């Protein structure tokens, strides 16, 4: 995934939303 992704791309990759649980990341 490129550094910049349009909002339309976010809808196509909802599972890429790792910012929701940053605490789960080591």
PDB file of N, CA and C in Angstrom:
ATOM      1  N   UNK A   1       0.850  -1.208   0.000  1.00  0.00           N
ATOM      2  CA  UNK A   1       0.000   0.000   0.000  1.00  0.00           C
ATOM      3  C   UNK A   1       0.881   1.252   0.000  1.00  0.00           C
ATOM      4  N   UNK A   2       0.565   2.159  -0.882  1.00  0.00           N
ATOM      5  CA  UNK A   2       1.330   3.418  -0.981  1.00  0.00           C
ATOM      6  C   UNK A   2       1.161   4.255   0.274  1.00  0.00           C
ATOM      7  N   UNK A   3       2.066   5.208   0.479  1.00  0.00           N
ATOM      8  CA  UNK A   3       1.987   6.047   1.682  1.00  0.00           C
ATOM      9  C   UNK A   3       0.682   6.835   1.700  1.00  0.00           C
ATOM     10  N   UNK A   4       0.269   7.283   0.519  1.00  0.00           N
ATOM     11  CA  UNK A   4      -0.989   8.042   0.440  1.00  0.00           C
ATOM     12  C   UNK A   4      -2.076   7.210  -0.215  1.00  0.00           C
ATOM     13  N   UNK A   5      -3.160   7.002   0.501  1.00  0.00           N
ATOM     14  CA  UNK A   5      -4.272   6.241  -0.063  1.00  0.00           C
ATOM     15  C   UNK A   5      -5.556   7.045   0.042  1.00  0.00           C
ATOM     16  N   UNK A   6      -6.241   7.215  -1.071  1.00  0.00           N
ATOM     17  CA  UNK A   6      -7.506   7.955  -1.090  1.00  0.00           C
ATOM     18  C   UNK A   6      -8.535   7.285  -0.201  1.00  0.00           C
ATOM     19  N   UNK A   7      -9.537   8.049   0.235  1.00  0.00           N
ATOM     20  CA  UNK A   7     -10.561   7.498   1.131  1.00  0.00           C
ATOM     21  C   UNK A   7     -11.246   6.289   0.485  1.00  0.00           C
ATOM     22  N   UNK A   8     -11.347   6.309  -0.836  1.00  0.00           N
ATOM     23  CA  UNK A   8     -12.004   5.206  -1.542  1.00  0.00           C
ATOM     24  C   UNK A   8     -11.221   3.908  -1.329  1.00  0.00           C
ATOM     25  N   UNK A   9      -9.901   4.031  -1.243  1.00  0.00           N
ATOM     26  CA  UNK A   9      -9.066   2.844  -1.070  1.00  0.00           C
ATOM     27  C   UNK A   9      -9.242   2.272   0.337  1.00  0.00           C
ATOM     28  N   UNK A  10      -9.488   3.160   1.292  1.00  0.00           N
ATOM     29  CA  UNK A  10      -9.659   2.704   2.671  1.00  0.00           C
ATOM     30  C   UNK A  10     -10.880   1.799   2.788  1.00  0.00           C
ATOM     31  N   UNK A  11     -11.917   2.122   2.019  1.00  0.00           N
ATOM     32  CA  UNK A  11     -13.145   1.318   2.062  1.00  0.00           C
ATOM     33  C   UNK A  11     -12.886  -0.068   1.466  1.00  0.00           C
ATOM     34  N   UNK A  12     -11.934  -0.137   0.557  1.00  0.00           N
ATOM     35  CA  UNK A  12     -11.634  -1.407  -0.091  1.00  0.00           C
ATOM     36  C   UNK A  12     -10.744  -2.263   0.814  1.00  0.00           C
ATOM     37  N   UNK A  13     -10.061  -1.602   1.767  1.00  0.00           N
ATOM     38  CA  UNK A  13      -9.174  -2.330   2.683  1.00  0.00           C
ATOM     39  C   UNK A  13      -9.462  -1.955   4.134  1.00  0.00           C
ATOM     40  N   UNK A  14     -10.620  -2.340   4.626  1.00  0.00           N
ATOM     41  CA  UNK A  14     -11.004  -2.012   6.004  1.00  0.00           C
ATOM     42  C   UNK A  14     -10.128  -2.754   7.010  1.00  0.00           C
ATOM     43  N   UNK A  15      -9.646  -3.947   6.617  1.00  0.00           N
ATOM     44  CA  UNK A  15      -8.829  -4.733   7.538  1.00  0.00           C
ATOM     45  C   UNK A  15      -7.457  -4.087   7.743  1.00  0.00           C
ATOM     46  N   UNK A  16      -7.137  -3.106   6.893  1.00  0.00           N
ATOM     47  CA  UNK A  16      -5.847  -2.436   7.009  1.00  0.00           C
ATOM     48  C   UNK A  16      -5.876  -1.370   8.100  1.00  0.00           C
ATOM     49  N   UNK A  17      -7.030  -1.223   8.745  1.00  0.00           N
ATOM     50  CA  UNK A  17      -7.171  -0.191   9.777  1.00  0.00           C
ATOM     51  C   UNK A  17      -6.567  -0.687  11.084  1.00  0.00           C
ATOM     52  N   UNK A  18      -5.233  -0.711  11.142  1.00  0.00           N
ATOM     53  CA  UNK A  18      -4.551  -1.196  12.346  1.00  0.00           C
ATOM     54  C   UNK A  18      -4.390  -0.096  13.381  1.00  0.00           C
ATOM     55  N   UNK A  19      -4.758   1.130  12.990  1.00  0.00           N
ATOM     56  CA  UNK A  19      -4.619   2.262  13.916  1.00  0.00           C
ATOM     57  C   UNK A  19      -5.651   2.197  15.039  1.00  0.00           C
ATOM     58  N   UNK A  20      -6.638   1.321  14.874  1.00  0.00           N
ATOM     59  CA  UNK A  20      -7.693   1.224  15.887  1.00  0.00           C
ATOM     60  C   UNK A  20      -7.144   0.593  17.168  1.00  0.00           C
ATOM     61  N   UNK A  21      -6.206  -0.364  17.015  1.00  0.00           N
ATOM     62  CA  UNK A  21      -5.645  -1.042  18.188  1.00  0.00           C
ATOM     63  C   UNK A  21      -4.119  -0.967  18.171  1.00  0.00           C
ATOM     64  N   UNK A  22      -3.579   0.206  18.439  1.00  0.00           N
ATOM     65  CA  UNK A  22      -2.121   0.381  18.452  1.00  0.00           C
ATOM     66  C   UNK A  22      -1.490  -0.353  19.632  1.00  0.00           C
ATOM     67  N   UNK A  23      -2.249  -0.527  20.710  1.00  0.00           N
ATOM     68  CA  UNK A  23      -1.715  -1.202  21.899  1.00  0.00           C
ATOM     69  C   UNK A  23      -1.445  -2.676  21.609  1.00  0.00           C
ATOM     70  N   UNK A  24      -2.196  -3.236  20.647  1.00  0.00           N
ATOM     71  CA  UNK A  24      -1.997  -4.643  20.325  1.00  0.00           C
ATOM     72  C   UNK A  24      -0.684  -4.846  19.573  1.00  0.00           C
ATOM     73  N   UNK A  25      -0.199  -3.772  18.955  1.00  0.00           N
ATOM     74  CA  UNK A  25       1.062  -3.869  18.227  1.00  0.00           C
ATOM     75  C   UNK A  25       2.236  -3.858  19.205  1.00  0.00           C
ATOM     76  N   UNK A  26       3.197  -4.738  19.002  1.00  0.00           N
ATOM     77  CA  UNK A  26       4.376  -4.825  19.878  1.00  0.00           C
ATOM     78  C   UNK A  26       5.240  -3.581  19.781  1.00  0.00           C
TER      79      UNK A  26
END
